[in-house]
Amino acid sequence: MKRYVAFLRGVSPVNAKMPELKRAFEVAGFADVQTVLASGNVVFSVREASVRALERKAESSMKSHLGKSFLTLVRSVEALQKILASDPYRGLKMKPETKRVVTFLRDRPREVPRLPLDKDGAVILRLVDREVYSAYVPTTRGPVFMALIERTFGKDVTTRTWDTVRRVAFQAP
């Protein structure tokens, strides 16, 4: 059995109860299912399969079990641990209050924008495979980086903080 993480777009405790979400993944045949942080992070085990097949299976099960589905982007725990070890932010000068975020894409874009791209204190720094690395300094206007990311890569994405990626990558068992 291999360990995977499903990152779901748009999940919150308001629109999805974590026990029900966990059950939807169990019904899909996934084992050792854990939800992390009540914001659409699901860690699970399953026989090795393509991430695309796992995404379809999870989305279909959510639709059947919850009556709705959320865009699901799957990465293996091993892949996430490699991302963390590579630390794509290493060597970059950032203020101490800077938030580092990773945006997961379903597919690598056909046309890669010239990076870095910045707007209103948010900057898209790098694109590596199907992950976009960005940083921003929090402001009273909220997460302005999301508008920049969606304008650049579309809405079939989901974003997590670097700390969340670390947490799910090392989630037991």
Foldseek 3Di string as FASTA:
>chain_A
DFKKKKAFPPFACVQDPQVLLQVLLVVLVWAPWDDPPRHRIIMTDDPDDDQVVVQVSSQVSCCVRVVHGTLIGMDTLVVLVVCVVVPPCPPPDDDPQKWKKKKFANFDDPDDDDDFDDDPQKTFHDDDGRITIIIGHDDPVGDPVVVVCCVRRNDSMHMDTNVVSVPSSPDDD
